[in-house]
Amino acid sequence: MISRFLIRDDINGTYREGNQIEIDAHNNFENMMIIATGRAQAKERRKQSINHITVTTSTGNIFDGDETSQQRMHRAIEITEENETIEWILADNTKATVTRAELREALRLAFLKQADLHINQTET
């Protein structure tokens, strides 16, 4: 026997007669929405963490390590020669002369920190 209940229509606030199966489906939908909201919040927290990555190289320079900075480092590494230096703006907005090797180190550290954030900040 299926029990009969009044079910509230969330769109217009009215009630209608429904059954237990409909209520269970409604509760499952609400639970899925809570899980999806929690997942979205976790993703947003992770995104904010990634946007604020900084890394310190062995020379003591502190680089921004967000995704845009990682892309810039990668391009600079690709176009510079092995012993070439380049002017770079550090995380504190000071200008520094850095080597290709130091950019490679900064990129590696930023990538590893980002990977750690993806693995260790769960989505639920």
N, C-alpha and C. Protein backbone atom coordinates (compact mmCIF):
# COMPACT_ATOMS: atom_id res chain seq x y z
N MET A 1 0.84 -1.18 0.00
CA MET A 1 0.00 0.00 0.00
C MET A 1 0.88 1.24 0.00
N ILE A 2 0.60 2.15 -0.87
CA ILE A 2 1.33 3.41 -0.95
C ILE A 2 0.57 4.45 -0.16
N SER A 3 1.28 5.11 0.79
CA SER A 3 0.65 6.15 1.61
C SER A 3 0.44 7.41 0.78
N ARG A 4 -0.63 8.13 1.10
CA ARG A 4 -0.94 9.37 0.40
C ARG A 4 -0.55 10.55 1.30
N PHE A 5 0.02 11.59 0.72
CA PHE A 5 0.46 12.77 1.45
C PHE A 5 0.14 14.02 0.66
N LEU A 6 0.18 15.16 1.34
CA LEU A 6 0.11 16.43 0.63
C LEU A 6 1.55 16.83 0.29
N ILE A 7 1.77 17.19 -0.96
CA ILE A 7 3.10 17.59 -1.43
C ILE A 7 3.04 19.07 -1.80
N ARG A 8 4.01 19.83 -1.27
CA ARG A 8 4.05 21.26 -1.53
C ARG A 8 4.72 21.50 -2.88
N ASP A 9 4.09 22.30 -3.71
CA ASP A 9 4.66 22.70 -4.99
C ASP A 9 5.55 23.91 -4.73
N ASP A 10 6.86 23.76 -4.84
CA ASP A 10 7.80 24.83 -4.51
C ASP A 10 7.71 26.03 -5.44
N ILE A 11 7.17 25.84 -6.60
CA ILE A 11 7.10 26.95 -7.56
C ILE A 11 6.00 27.94 -7.18
N ASN A 12 4.80 27.43 -6.89
CA ASN A 12 3.71 28.37 -6.59
C ASN A 12 3.20 28.26 -5.15
N GLY A 13 3.79 27.41 -4.32
CA GLY A 13 3.44 27.33 -2.90
C GLY A 13 2.16 26.59 -2.59
N THR A 14 1.56 25.94 -3.57
CA THR A 14 0.31 25.21 -3.33
C THR A 14 0.63 23.77 -2.93
N TYR A 15 -0.38 23.10 -2.43
CA TYR A 15 -0.25 21.70 -2.06
C TYR A 15 -1.11 20.84 -2.97
N ARG A 16 -0.65 19.63 -3.18
CA ARG A 16 -1.45 18.67 -3.92
C ARG A 16 -1.27 17.31 -3.28
N GLU A 17 -2.18 16.41 -3.58
CA GLU A 17 -2.08 15.07 -3.02
C GLU A 17 -1.02 14.29 -3.79
N GLY A 18 -0.18 13.59 -3.07
CA GLY A 18 0.86 12.80 -3.71
C GLY A 18 1.07 11.51 -2.96
N ASN A 19 2.05 10.74 -3.38
CA ASN A 19 2.29 9.47 -2.70
C ASN A 19 3.74 9.37 -2.22
N GLN A 20 4.04 8.32 -1.48
CA GLN A 20 5.36 8.13 -0.87
C GLN A 20 6.47 8.11 -1.92
N ILE A 21 6.20 7.53 -3.06
CA ILE A 21 7.22 7.45 -4.11
C ILE A 21 7.62 8.85 -4.56
N GLU A 22 6.67 9.75 -4.71
CA GLU A 22 6.97 11.12 -5.11
C GLU A 22 7.79 11.83 -4.03
N ILE A 23 7.44 11.60 -2.77
CA ILE A 23 8.18 12.24 -1.67
C ILE A 23 9.61 11.76 -1.65
N ASP A 24 9.82 10.46 -1.82
CA ASP A 24 11.18 9.92 -1.85
C ASP A 24 11.99 10.53 -3.00
N ALA A 25 11.35 10.67 -4.15
CA ALA A 25 12.04 11.27 -5.30
C ALA A 25 12.39 12.72 -5.00
N HIS A 26 11.48 13.44 -4.36
CA HIS A 26 11.73 14.84 -4.02
C HIS A 26 12.91 14.94 -3.03
N ASN A 27 12.91 14.09 -2.01
CA ASN A 27 14.01 14.09 -1.03
C ASN A 27 15.34 13.74 -1.69
N ASN A 28 15.34 12.78 -2.60
CA ASN A 28 16.57 12.44 -3.31
C ASN A 28 17.08 13.62 -4.12
N PHE A 29 16.16 14.34 -4.77
CA PHE A 29 16.55 15.52 -5.54
C PHE A 29 17.16 16.57 -4.62
N GLU A 30 16.52 16.82 -3.45
CA GLU A 30 17.07 17.79 -2.50
C GLU A 30 18.46 17.36 -2.03
N ASN A 31 18.64 16.07 -1.76
CA ASN A 31 19.96 15.58 -1.34
C ASN A 31 21.00 15.77 -2.44
N MET A 32 20.59 15.51 -3.69
CA MET A 32 21.52 15.72 -4.80
C MET A 32 21.88 17.19 -4.94
N MET A 33 20.91 18.08 -4.70
CA MET A 33 21.19 19.51 -4.80
C MET A 33 22.16 19.95 -3.69
N ILE A 34 22.01 19.39 -2.50
CA ILE A 34 22.92 19.71 -1.40
C ILE A 34 24.33 19.24 -1.74
N ILE A 35 24.44 18.04 -2.27
CA ILE A 35 25.75 17.51 -2.67
C ILE A 35 26.35 18.37 -3.78
N ALA A 36 25.54 18.73 -4.78
CA ALA A 36 26.05 19.55 -5.89
C ALA A 36 26.48 20.92 -5.40
N THR A 37 25.73 21.49 -4.47
CA THR A 37 26.11 22.80 -3.91
C THR A 37 27.41 22.69 -3.15
N GLY A 38 27.55 21.64 -2.35
CA GLY A 38 28.80 21.43 -1.60
C GLY A 38 29.98 21.25 -2.54
N ARG A 39 29.77 20.51 -3.61
CA ARG A 39 30.83 20.29 -4.59
C ARG A 39 31.22 21.60 -5.26
N ALA A 40 30.23 22.41 -5.62
CA ALA A 40 30.51 23.70 -6.26
C ALA A 40 31.28 24.62 -5.30
N GLN A 41 30.90 24.61 -4.03
CA GLN A 41 31.61 25.42 -3.04
C GLN A 41 33.06 24.96 -2.88
N ALA A 42 33.26 23.64 -2.85
CA ALA A 42 34.62 23.10 -2.72
C ALA A 42 35.46 23.48 -3.94
N LYS A 43 34.86 23.41 -5.12
CA LYS A 43 35.59 23.79 -6.33
C LYS A 43 35.95 25.27 -6.31
N GLU A 44 35.05 26.10 -5.82
CA GLU A 44 35.33 27.54 -5.73
C GLU A 44 36.46 27.80 -4.74
N ARG A 45 36.45 27.11 -3.60
CA ARG A 45 37.54 27.26 -2.62
C ARG A 45 38.87 26.84 -3.23
N ARG A 46 38.84 25.73 -3.96
CA ARG A 46 40.08 25.25 -4.61
C ARG A 46 40.55 26.25 -5.65
N LYS A 47 39.63 26.79 -6.43
CA LYS A 47 39.98 27.80 -7.44
C LYS A 47 40.63 29.01 -6.79
N GLN A 48 40.05 29.48 -5.68
CA GLN A 48 40.63 30.62 -4.97
C GLN A 48 42.02 30.29 -4.43
N SER A 49 42.19 29.09 -3.93
CA SER A 49 43.52 28.67 -3.44
C SER A 49 44.53 28.67 -4.57
N ILE A 50 44.14 28.16 -5.72
CA ILE A 50 45.03 28.11 -6.88
C ILE A 50 45.37 29.52 -7.34
N ASN A 51 44.40 30.42 -7.29
CA ASN A 51 44.63 31.80 -7.71
C ASN A 51 45.63 32.54 -6.82
N HIS A 52 45.89 32.01 -5.63
CA HIS A 52 46.78 32.67 -4.69
C HIS A 52 48.07 31.88 -4.42
N ILE A 53 48.41 30.96 -5.30
CA ILE A 53 49.64 30.20 -5.13
C ILE A 53 50.84 31.13 -5.27
N THR A 54 51.79 31.00 -4.35
CA THR A 54 53.11 31.61 -4.51
C THR A 54 54.13 30.52 -4.20
N VAL A 55 55.28 30.63 -4.83
CA VAL A 55 56.36 29.66 -4.61
C VAL A 55 57.67 30.41 -4.43
N THR A 56 58.55 29.84 -3.64
CA THR A 56 59.86 30.42 -3.39
C THR A 56 60.92 29.51 -4.00
N THR A 57 61.74 30.07 -4.88
CA THR A 57 62.79 29.30 -5.52
C THR A 57 64.01 29.21 -4.61
N SER A 58 64.98 28.43 -5.00
CA SER A 58 66.19 28.23 -4.19
C SER A 58 67.00 29.52 -4.04
N THR A 59 66.79 30.50 -4.92
CA THR A 59 67.48 31.79 -4.79
C THR A 59 66.76 32.73 -3.83
N GLY A 60 65.57 32.33 -3.39
CA GLY A 60 64.80 33.16 -2.47
C GLY A 60 63.77 34.04 -3.13
N ASN A 61 63.69 34.04 -4.45
CA ASN A 61 62.68 34.83 -5.16
C ASN A 61 61.32 34.18 -5.00
N ILE A 62 60.29 35.01 -4.77
CA ILE A 62 58.93 34.51 -4.59
C ILE A 62 58.13 34.87 -5.84
N PHE A 63 57.63 33.84 -6.51
CA PHE A 63 56.89 33.97 -7.76
C PHE A 63 55.41 33.72 -7.52
N ASP A 64 54.55 34.41 -8.28
CA ASP A 64 53.15 34.03 -8.34
C ASP A 64 53.09 32.69 -9.03
N GLY A 65 52.17 31.82 -8.60
CA GLY A 65 52.09 30.49 -9.18
C GLY A 65 50.70 30.12 -9.67
N ASP A 66 49.83 31.12 -9.84
CA ASP A 66 48.49 30.84 -10.36
C ASP A 66 48.60 30.33 -11.80
N GLU A 67 47.49 29.90 -12.36
CA GLU A 67 47.53 29.29 -13.70
C GLU A 67 48.03 30.25 -14.77
N THR A 68 47.64 31.51 -14.70
CA THR A 68 48.10 32.49 -15.68
C THR A 68 49.61 32.67 -15.57
N SER A 69 50.12 32.77 -14.36
CA SER A 69 51.57 32.92 -14.16
C SER A 69 52.31 31.69 -14.66
N GLN A 70 51.73 30.51 -14.43
CA GLN A 70 52.36 29.28 -14.92
C GLN A 70 52.44 29.30 -16.45
N GLN A 71 51.40 29.78 -17.11
CA GLN A 71 51.42 29.87 -18.58
C GLN A 71 52.51 30.83 -19.04
N ARG A 72 52.64 31.96 -18.36
CA ARG A 72 53.67 32.95 -18.72
C ARG A 72 55.06 32.36 -18.53
N MET A 73 55.26 31.66 -17.41
CA MET A 73 56.57 31.03 -17.17
C MET A 73 56.88 30.02 -18.26
N HIS A 74 55.88 29.22 -18.59
CA HIS A 74 56.10 28.20 -19.63
C HIS A 74 56.50 28.83 -20.96
N ARG A 75 55.81 29.90 -21.35
CA ARG A 75 56.17 30.58 -22.61
C ARG A 75 57.58 31.14 -22.55
N ALA A 76 57.94 31.74 -21.42
CA ALA A 76 59.29 32.32 -21.29
C ALA A 76 60.35 31.23 -21.36
N ILE A 77 60.09 30.11 -20.74
CA ILE A 77 61.03 28.98 -20.78
C ILE A 77 61.20 28.48 -22.22
N GLU A 78 60.09 28.42 -22.94
CA GLU A 78 60.12 27.92 -24.31
C GLU A 78 60.92 28.82 -25.25
N ILE A 79 60.90 30.12 -25.04
CA ILE A 79 61.52 31.02 -26.02
C ILE A 79 62.92 31.49 -25.63
N THR A 80 63.33 31.25 -24.38
CA THR A 80 64.66 31.71 -23.97
C THR A 80 65.70 30.61 -24.17
N GLU A 81 66.94 31.07 -24.34
CA GLU A 81 68.07 30.13 -24.45
C GLU A 81 68.47 29.66 -23.06
N GLU A 82 69.25 28.59 -22.99
CA GLU A 82 69.61 27.95 -21.73
C GLU A 82 70.22 28.91 -20.71
N ASN A 83 71.18 29.73 -21.07
CA ASN A 83 71.85 30.62 -20.12
C ASN A 83 71.34 32.05 -20.16
N GLU A 84 70.25 32.28 -20.84
CA GLU A 84 69.69 33.62 -20.97
C GLU A 84 68.98 34.04 -19.70
N THR A 85 68.98 35.35 -19.42
CA THR A 85 68.22 35.89 -18.29
C THR A 85 67.07 36.72 -18.83
N ILE A 86 66.10 36.95 -17.97
CA ILE A 86 64.92 37.71 -18.36
C ILE A 86 64.47 38.54 -17.16
N GLU A 87 63.93 39.71 -17.43
CA GLU A 87 63.36 40.54 -16.37
C GLU A 87 61.98 39.96 -16.02
N TRP A 88 61.71 39.85 -14.73
CA TRP A 88 60.45 39.23 -14.29
C TRP A 88 59.89 40.02 -13.11
N ILE A 89 58.58 40.13 -13.05
CA ILE A 89 57.92 40.76 -11.92
C ILE A 89 57.55 39.66 -10.92
N LEU A 90 58.09 39.80 -9.70
CA LEU A 90 57.85 38.79 -8.67
C LEU A 90 56.50 39.02 -7.98
N ALA A 91 56.16 38.13 -7.05
CA ALA A 91 54.86 38.18 -6.37
C ALA A 91 54.65 39.48 -5.61
N ASP A 92 55.73 40.11 -5.13
CA ASP A 92 55.60 41.37 -4.40
C ASP A 92 55.70 42.59 -5.31
N ASN A 93 55.62 42.35 -6.63
CA ASN A 93 55.66 43.38 -7.67
C ASN A 93 57.02 44.05 -7.81
N THR A 94 58.08 43.42 -7.32
CA THR A 94 59.42 43.93 -7.57
C THR A 94 59.96 43.26 -8.83
N LYS A 95 60.87 43.96 -9.49
CA LYS A 95 61.46 43.44 -10.71
C LYS A 95 62.74 42.68 -10.36
N ALA A 96 62.94 41.55 -10.98
CA ALA A 96 64.13 40.74 -10.76
C ALA A 96 64.63 40.20 -12.08
N THR A 97 65.93 39.99 -12.16
CA THR A 97 66.52 39.33 -13.31
C THR A 97 66.65 37.85 -12.95
N VAL A 98 65.97 37.01 -13.72
CA VAL A 98 65.96 35.58 -13.41
C VAL A 98 66.47 34.78 -14.60
N THR A 99 66.93 33.60 -14.30
CA THR A 99 67.41 32.70 -15.35
C THR A 99 66.29 31.79 -15.81
N ARG A 100 66.53 31.18 -16.94
CA ARG A 100 65.58 30.20 -17.46
C ARG A 100 65.44 29.05 -16.46
N ALA A 101 66.55 28.64 -15.86
CA ALA A 101 66.53 27.55 -14.88
C ALA A 101 65.67 27.92 -13.66
N GLU A 102 65.75 29.18 -13.22
CA GLU A 102 64.93 29.58 -12.08
C GLU A 102 63.46 29.60 -12.45
N LEU A 103 63.14 30.05 -13.65
CA LEU A 103 61.74 30.01 -14.09
C LEU A 103 61.24 28.58 -14.15
N ARG A 104 62.08 27.68 -14.63
CA ARG A 104 61.71 26.26 -14.70
C ARG A 104 61.44 25.73 -13.28
N GLU A 105 62.30 26.12 -12.33
CA GLU A 105 62.10 25.71 -10.94
C GLU A 105 60.78 26.27 -10.39
N ALA A 106 60.52 27.54 -10.64
CA ALA A 106 59.29 28.16 -10.15
C ALA A 106 58.07 27.49 -10.77
N LEU A 107 58.13 27.20 -12.05
CA LEU A 107 57.02 26.54 -12.73
C LEU A 107 56.77 25.16 -12.15
N ARG A 108 57.83 24.42 -11.91
CA ARG A 108 57.70 23.08 -11.33
C ARG A 108 57.07 23.16 -9.94
N LEU A 109 57.54 24.07 -9.10
CA LEU A 109 56.99 24.21 -7.75
C LEU A 109 55.51 24.61 -7.78
N ALA A 110 55.17 25.52 -8.67
CA ALA A 110 53.77 25.97 -8.79
C ALA A 110 52.88 24.83 -9.26
N PHE A 111 53.37 24.09 -10.24
CA PHE A 111 52.60 22.95 -10.75
C PHE A 111 52.37 21.92 -9.65
N LEU A 112 53.40 21.62 -8.88
CA LEU A 112 53.26 20.64 -7.80
C LEU A 112 52.31 21.12 -6.72
N LYS A 113 52.36 22.41 -6.41
CA LYS A 113 51.44 22.96 -5.41
C LYS A 113 50.01 22.90 -5.93
N GLN A 114 49.81 23.21 -7.20
CA GLN A 114 48.47 23.14 -7.78
C GLN A 114 47.96 21.70 -7.79
N ALA A 115 48.82 20.76 -8.15
CA ALA A 115 48.42 19.35 -8.16
C ALA A 115 48.03 18.91 -6.76
N ASP A 116 48.78 19.35 -5.74
CA ASP A 116 48.46 19.03 -4.37
C ASP A 116 47.08 19.57 -3.98
N LEU A 117 46.79 20.80 -4.40
CA LEU A 117 45.47 21.38 -4.11
C LEU A 117 44.35 20.58 -4.76
N HIS A 118 44.58 20.12 -5.98
CA HIS A 118 43.55 19.33 -6.68
C HIS A 118 43.32 17.99 -5.98
N ILE A 119 44.38 17.40 -5.49
CA ILE A 119 44.26 16.08 -4.87
C ILE A 119 43.72 16.17 -3.45
N ASN A 120 44.19 17.14 -2.70
CA ASN A 120 43.88 17.17 -1.28
C ASN A 120 42.68 18.03 -0.89
N GLN A 121 42.15 18.83 -1.79
CA GLN A 121 40.91 19.55 -1.51
C GLN A 121 39.80 18.81 -2.22
N THR A 122 39.10 17.98 -1.46
CA THR A 122 38.06 17.15 -2.05
C THR A 122 36.90 18.00 -2.53
N GLU A 123 36.12 17.43 -3.41
CA GLU A 123 35.00 18.16 -4.03
C GLU A 123 33.70 17.95 -3.30
N THR A 124 33.67 17.22 -2.21
CA THR A 124 32.40 17.02 -1.51
C THR A 124 32.43 17.64 -0.16
